[in-house]
């Protein structure tokens, strides 16, 4: 459920499947922690591309100790713990604005999960949400405001 009234164009399950498959196809390591950070950065890039008229996906992003998390996807891949996600999930539908997601992955997927987590820890949407406590929603609006004002 999206609290910002910004509609999501894609199913988060398809976005996460796309990320995992992209990493496998490019011989890039992908763990659940890394997947969570890439979902956050894909959302940020998507909001810039659409000028906040639509989000990449509807699901809420939560502030957890190691950065932003989409809980449903975290739970889905939690059995992999800190290990490589070895499954190759099927996409149920084509992604809208796939190029935005692909470009984000081209730039950020080579980084390891901890570097990506560190990056998110410098973003005030996570900082402000996490100060209120773990599981606080990082709003899409705060992500958009941050990325458009800082150009990160």
Protein backbone atom coordinates (compact mmCIF):
# COMPACT_ATOMS: atom_id res chain seq x y z
CA UNK A 1 0.00 0.00 0.00
CA UNK A 2 1.38 3.37 -1.04
CA UNK A 3 0.86 6.18 1.47
CA UNK A 4 1.85 8.95 -0.93
CA UNK A 5 -1.00 8.64 -3.43
CA UNK A 6 1.65 8.07 -6.11
CA UNK A 7 0.55 5.07 -8.14
CA UNK A 8 3.09 2.32 -8.78
CA UNK A 9 3.46 1.23 -12.41
CA UNK A 10 4.89 -2.22 -11.74
CA UNK A 11 4.40 -5.17 -9.42
CA UNK A 12 7.28 -5.16 -6.93
CA UNK A 13 7.62 -8.90 -7.41
CA UNK A 14 8.35 -8.34 -11.10
CA UNK A 15 10.81 -5.55 -10.34
CA UNK A 16 12.68 -7.75 -7.86
CA UNK A 17 12.65 -10.65 -10.34
CA UNK A 18 14.05 -8.36 -13.02
CA UNK A 19 16.86 -7.21 -10.69
CA UNK A 20 17.79 -10.79 -9.74
CA UNK A 21 17.76 -11.96 -13.35
CA UNK A 22 19.76 -8.91 -14.48
CA UNK A 23 22.44 -9.68 -11.89
CA UNK A 24 22.58 -13.37 -12.86
CA UNK A 25 22.81 -12.49 -16.58
CA UNK A 26 25.71 -10.11 -15.87
CA UNK A 27 27.57 -12.38 -13.40
CA UNK A 28 26.91 -9.95 -10.55
CA UNK A 29 26.36 -11.17 -7.01
CA UNK A 30 22.86 -10.59 -5.59
CA UNK A 31 21.84 -11.14 -1.97
CA UNK A 32 18.61 -10.18 -0.24
CA UNK A 33 20.32 -7.18 1.38
CA UNK A 34 21.61 -6.00 -1.97
CA UNK A 35 18.22 -6.59 -3.61
CA UNK A 36 16.59 -4.34 -1.02
CA UNK A 37 19.00 -1.49 -1.71
CA UNK A 38 18.61 -1.86 -5.48
CA UNK A 39 14.81 -1.72 -5.13
CA UNK A 40 15.21 1.57 -3.24
CA UNK A 41 17.54 3.05 -5.86
CA UNK A 42 15.29 1.86 -8.71
CA UNK A 43 12.38 3.60 -7.00
CA UNK A 44 14.42 6.80 -6.64
CA UNK A 45 15.43 6.75 -10.33
CA UNK A 46 11.87 5.98 -11.38
CA UNK A 47 10.46 8.90 -9.40
CA UNK A 48 12.95 11.23 -11.09
CA UNK A 49 12.07 9.88 -14.54
CA UNK A 50 8.31 10.29 -14.03
CA UNK A 51 8.67 13.61 -12.15
CA UNK A 52 6.87 11.91 -9.27
CA UNK A 53 3.75 11.28 -11.40
CA UNK A 54 4.13 7.55 -10.82
CA UNK A 55 6.25 5.25 -8.69
CA UNK A 56 8.09 2.13 -9.78
CA UNK A 57 5.93 0.02 -7.45
CA UNK A 58 3.18 0.52 -4.83
CA UNK A 59 4.72 -1.29 -1.88
CA UNK A 60 6.01 0.69 1.06
CA UNK A 61 9.71 1.02 1.68
CA UNK A 62 10.60 0.69 5.36
CA UNK A 63 13.59 2.01 7.28
CA UNK A 64 15.51 -0.91 8.75
CA UNK A 65 18.96 -0.90 10.41
CA UNK A 66 20.78 -1.80 7.18
CA UNK A 67 18.80 0.65 5.07
CA UNK A 68 15.56 0.65 3.09
CA UNK A 69 13.56 -2.60 2.81
CA UNK A 70 10.44 -3.76 0.97
CA UNK A 71 9.21 -6.23 3.58
CA UNK A 72 7.24 -8.57 1.28
CA UNK A 73 10.29 -9.09 -0.94
CA UNK A 74 12.62 -9.37 2.05
CA UNK A 75 10.41 -12.12 3.47
CA UNK A 76 10.21 -13.89 0.11
CA UNK A 77 14.00 -14.24 -0.12
CA UNK A 78 14.79 -14.44 3.62
CA UNK A 79 15.62 -18.15 3.37
CA UNK A 80 18.81 -17.16 1.49
CA UNK A 81 19.93 -15.16 4.57
CA UNK A 82 23.25 -13.47 3.60
CA UNK A 83 23.91 -15.87 0.74
CA UNK A 84 23.56 -15.42 -2.98
CA UNK A 85 19.99 -15.60 -4.29
CA UNK A 86 20.31 -18.59 -6.58
CA UNK A 87 16.79 -18.79 -8.01
CA UNK A 88 15.94 -17.23 -11.35
CA UNK A 89 12.39 -15.96 -10.83
CA UNK A 90 9.97 -15.59 -13.72
CA UNK A 91 8.57 -12.16 -14.58
CA UNK A 92 4.78 -12.16 -14.69
CA UNK A 93 4.57 -9.09 -16.88
CA UNK A 94 6.76 -6.66 -18.80
CA UNK A 95 8.06 -3.75 -16.78
CA UNK A 96 6.93 -0.24 -17.55
CA UNK A 97 9.92 2.10 -18.00
CA UNK A 98 12.26 -0.89 -17.93
CA UNK A 99 15.12 1.26 -19.25
CA UNK A 100 15.10 3.36 -16.06
CA UNK A 101 15.48 0.22 -13.97
CA UNK A 102 18.15 -1.21 -16.27
CA UNK A 103 20.17 2.02 -16.22
CA UNK A 104 20.04 2.10 -12.42
CA UNK A 105 21.28 -1.49 -12.30
CA UNK A 106 24.07 -0.78 -14.81
CA UNK A 107 25.41 1.90 -12.46
CA UNK A 108 24.73 0.40 -9.01
CA UNK A 109 24.61 -3.41 -9.25
CA UNK A 110 28.42 -3.78 -9.39
CA UNK A 111 28.62 -2.43 -5.80
CA UNK A 112 28.32 -4.88 -2.93
CA UNK A 113 25.39 -4.83 -0.50
CA UNK A 114 27.31 -3.07 2.26
CA UNK A 115 28.47 -0.22 0.03
CA UNK A 116 24.87 0.24 -1.15
CA UNK A 117 23.60 0.14 2.45
CA UNK A 118 26.18 2.77 3.40
CA UNK A 119 24.99 4.94 0.52
CA UNK A 120 21.39 4.75 1.73
CA UNK A 121 22.51 5.65 5.25
CA UNK A 122 23.60 9.05 3.93
CA UNK A 123 20.15 9.71 2.39
CA UNK A 124 17.93 11.78 4.63
CA UNK A 125 14.72 9.88 3.74
CA UNK A 126 16.21 6.83 5.50
CA UNK A 127 17.87 8.90 8.26
CA UNK A 128 14.65 10.72 9.16
CA UNK A 129 12.47 7.62 8.97
CA UNK A 130 14.89 5.46 10.95
CA UNK A 131 15.17 8.08 13.73
CA UNK A 132 11.47 7.42 14.33
CA UNK A 133 12.24 3.71 14.67
CA UNK A 134 12.73 0.60 12.60
CA UNK A 135 9.78 -0.20 10.30
CA UNK A 136 8.95 3.48 9.75
CA UNK A 137 7.80 4.12 6.19
CA UNK A 138 10.18 5.99 3.90
CA UNK A 139 7.70 7.93 1.80
CA UNK A 140 8.04 8.09 -1.96
CA UNK A 141 7.67 11.86 -1.67
CA UNK A 142 10.68 12.07 0.67
CA UNK A 143 12.74 9.97 -1.74
CA UNK A 144 11.74 12.17 -4.67
CA UNK A 145 12.46 15.38 -2.74
CA UNK A 146 15.86 14.06 -1.72
CA UNK A 147 17.00 12.90 -5.14
CA UNK A 148 15.77 15.99 -6.95
CA UNK A 149 17.38 18.35 -4.45
CA UNK A 150 20.70 16.55 -4.04
CA UNK A 151 21.18 15.04 -7.52
CA UNK A 152 22.51 11.80 -5.94
